[in-house]
Amino acid sequence: MEHHKIVLPADLNDYGNLFGGTLLKWIDEIAYIRVSLDFPGRHFVTIGLDGVEFRHPVRSGQILRFRCKATRVGNTSVRYNVKVYGARYNSESENILFENNITFVCLDNDGNKTKIGKSETAV
């Protein structure tokens, strides 16, 4: 799944770069949309991201392209790899600005872990 976001002035820290927390929020939202589409009718919560390291500044006006792909489906959890590319300024480059793995766990209506079941679209 691919998704795009534009970095607006309200998304910036006092150094003029994208807040890291804003980027993580977008990754969580985009991956949540993916897991919800992959497993309709199931309820998921985020349980973790891999070690987070920001290596490239992201400035106002940058259009970001997000690619989200399932990498592991277990009995009760699923992991997605999310890559973030600079779509406006690096249109001919596949330089990754940020990459992380995010894991969700499937919950029942009482908030207990439950089996995910089959998906036609995931891994």
Protein backbone atom coordinates (compact mmCIF):
# COMPACT_ATOMS: atom_id res chain seq x y z
CA MET A 1 0.00 0.00 0.00
CA GLU A 2 1.23 3.47 -0.86
CA HIS A 3 0.17 6.72 0.79
CA HIS A 4 1.30 10.35 0.55
CA LYS A 5 1.48 13.25 3.04
CA ILE A 6 2.63 16.83 2.67
CA VAL A 7 4.69 18.41 5.44
CA LEU A 8 3.03 21.66 6.53
CA PRO A 9 4.43 24.44 8.76
CA ALA A 10 2.32 23.19 11.70
CA ASP A 11 4.24 19.86 11.50
CA LEU A 12 7.64 21.49 12.12
CA ASN A 13 9.79 21.85 15.23
CA ASP A 14 11.65 25.05 16.13
CA TYR A 15 14.55 24.03 13.84
CA GLY A 16 12.26 23.93 10.81
CA ASN A 17 12.23 20.13 10.53
CA LEU A 18 9.35 17.68 10.80
CA PHE A 19 8.62 16.64 14.39
CA GLY A 20 9.72 13.02 14.81
CA GLY A 21 6.55 12.27 16.75
CA THR A 22 4.43 13.52 13.86
CA LEU A 23 6.20 11.15 11.48
CA LEU A 24 5.66 8.25 13.91
CA LYS A 25 1.96 9.18 14.19
CA TRP A 26 1.61 9.09 10.41
CA ILE A 27 3.37 5.71 10.25
CA ASP A 28 1.07 4.34 12.95
CA GLU A 29 -2.04 5.62 11.11
CA ILE A 30 -0.96 4.33 7.70
CA ALA A 31 0.01 0.90 9.04
CA TYR A 32 -3.25 0.73 11.02
CA ILE A 33 -5.21 1.40 7.84
CA ARG A 34 -3.26 -1.40 6.13
CA VAL A 35 -3.84 -3.95 8.92
CA SER A 36 -7.54 -3.01 9.03
CA LEU A 37 -7.86 -3.59 5.29
CA ASP A 38 -5.86 -6.82 5.43
CA PHE A 39 -7.98 -8.24 8.27
CA PRO A 40 -11.47 -6.70 8.05
CA GLY A 41 -13.65 -7.09 11.11
CA ARG A 42 -10.66 -7.59 13.43
CA HIS A 43 -9.48 -5.11 16.08
CA PHE A 44 -5.79 -4.23 16.39
CA VAL A 45 -3.62 -2.10 18.63
CA THR A 46 -0.03 -1.04 18.11
CA ILE A 47 2.34 -2.88 20.44
CA GLY A 48 5.70 -1.70 19.18
CA LEU A 49 8.03 -0.08 16.73
CA ASP A 50 11.62 -1.12 16.18
CA GLY A 51 14.36 1.16 17.47
CA VAL A 52 13.61 4.60 16.06
CA GLU A 53 16.41 6.67 14.53
CA PHE A 54 15.89 9.85 12.50
CA ARG A 55 18.76 10.29 10.05
CA HIS A 56 17.42 12.80 7.51
CA PRO A 57 15.72 16.16 8.12
CA VAL A 58 12.33 16.63 6.50
CA ARG A 59 11.36 20.21 5.66
CA SER A 60 8.13 22.12 5.04
CA GLY A 61 6.59 21.47 1.64
CA GLN A 62 8.15 18.04 1.29
CA ILE A 63 5.76 15.43 -0.05
CA LEU A 64 6.40 12.10 1.61
CA ARG A 65 5.59 8.75 0.04
CA PHE A 66 4.89 5.88 2.46
CA ARG A 67 5.11 2.21 1.47
CA CYS A 68 3.63 -0.28 3.90
CA LYS A 69 4.03 -4.04 3.51
CA ALA A 70 3.24 -6.95 5.82
CA THR A 71 6.39 -8.88 6.69
CA ARG A 72 5.16 -11.38 9.28
CA VAL A 73 1.76 -12.69 10.28
CA GLY A 74 1.66 -14.71 13.49
CA ASN A 75 -1.22 -16.22 15.43
CA THR A 76 -2.12 -13.02 17.29
CA SER A 77 0.19 -10.35 15.84
CA VAL A 78 1.26 -8.92 12.51
CA ARG A 79 4.32 -6.85 11.58
CA TYR A 80 4.57 -4.30 8.77
CA ASN A 81 7.61 -2.62 7.27
CA VAL A 82 7.04 1.06 6.51
CA LYS A 83 9.44 2.99 4.27
CA VAL A 84 9.24 6.76 3.82
CA TYR A 85 10.57 8.39 0.66
CA GLY A 86 10.83 12.05 -0.35
CA ALA A 87 8.43 12.22 -3.28
CA ARG A 88 8.80 15.88 -4.27
CA TYR A 89 12.53 16.49 -4.12
CA ASN A 90 13.77 12.97 -4.79
CA SER A 91 11.34 11.93 -7.52
CA GLU A 92 14.01 10.02 -9.44
CA SER A 93 15.73 8.68 -6.37
CA GLU A 94 14.69 5.82 -4.17
CA ASN A 95 16.48 7.25 -1.14
CA ILE A 96 14.70 6.15 1.99
CA LEU A 97 14.26 9.02 4.46
CA PHE A 98 12.99 6.75 7.23
CA GLU A 99 12.21 3.06 7.71
CA ASN A 100 10.72 1.12 10.57
CA ASN A 101 8.83 -2.03 11.48
CA ILE A 102 5.58 -1.70 13.40
CA THR A 103 3.77 -4.55 15.14
CA PHE A 104 0.07 -4.87 15.94
CA VAL A 105 -1.72 -7.39 18.13
CA CYS A 106 -5.28 -8.57 17.47
CA LEU A 107 -7.73 -8.10 20.36
CA ASP A 108 -11.20 -9.44 21.07
CA ASN A 109 -14.06 -7.28 22.33
CA ASP A 110 -12.84 -7.68 25.93
CA GLY A 111 -9.33 -6.44 25.09
CA ASN A 112 -7.68 -9.87 25.21
CA LYS A 113 -5.29 -11.18 22.56
CA THR A 114 -7.06 -13.35 20.02
CA LYS A 115 -6.14 -15.27 16.90
CA ILE A 116 -6.04 -13.20 13.74
CA GLY A 117 -7.38 -15.71 11.25
CA LYS A 118 -6.73 -15.82 7.50
CA SER A 119 -6.25 -12.88 5.16
CA GLU A 120 -6.39 -12.81 1.40
CA THR A 121 -4.06 -9.79 1.11
CA ALA A 122 -1.43 -9.99 3.87
CA VAL A 123 1.94 -11.75 3.28
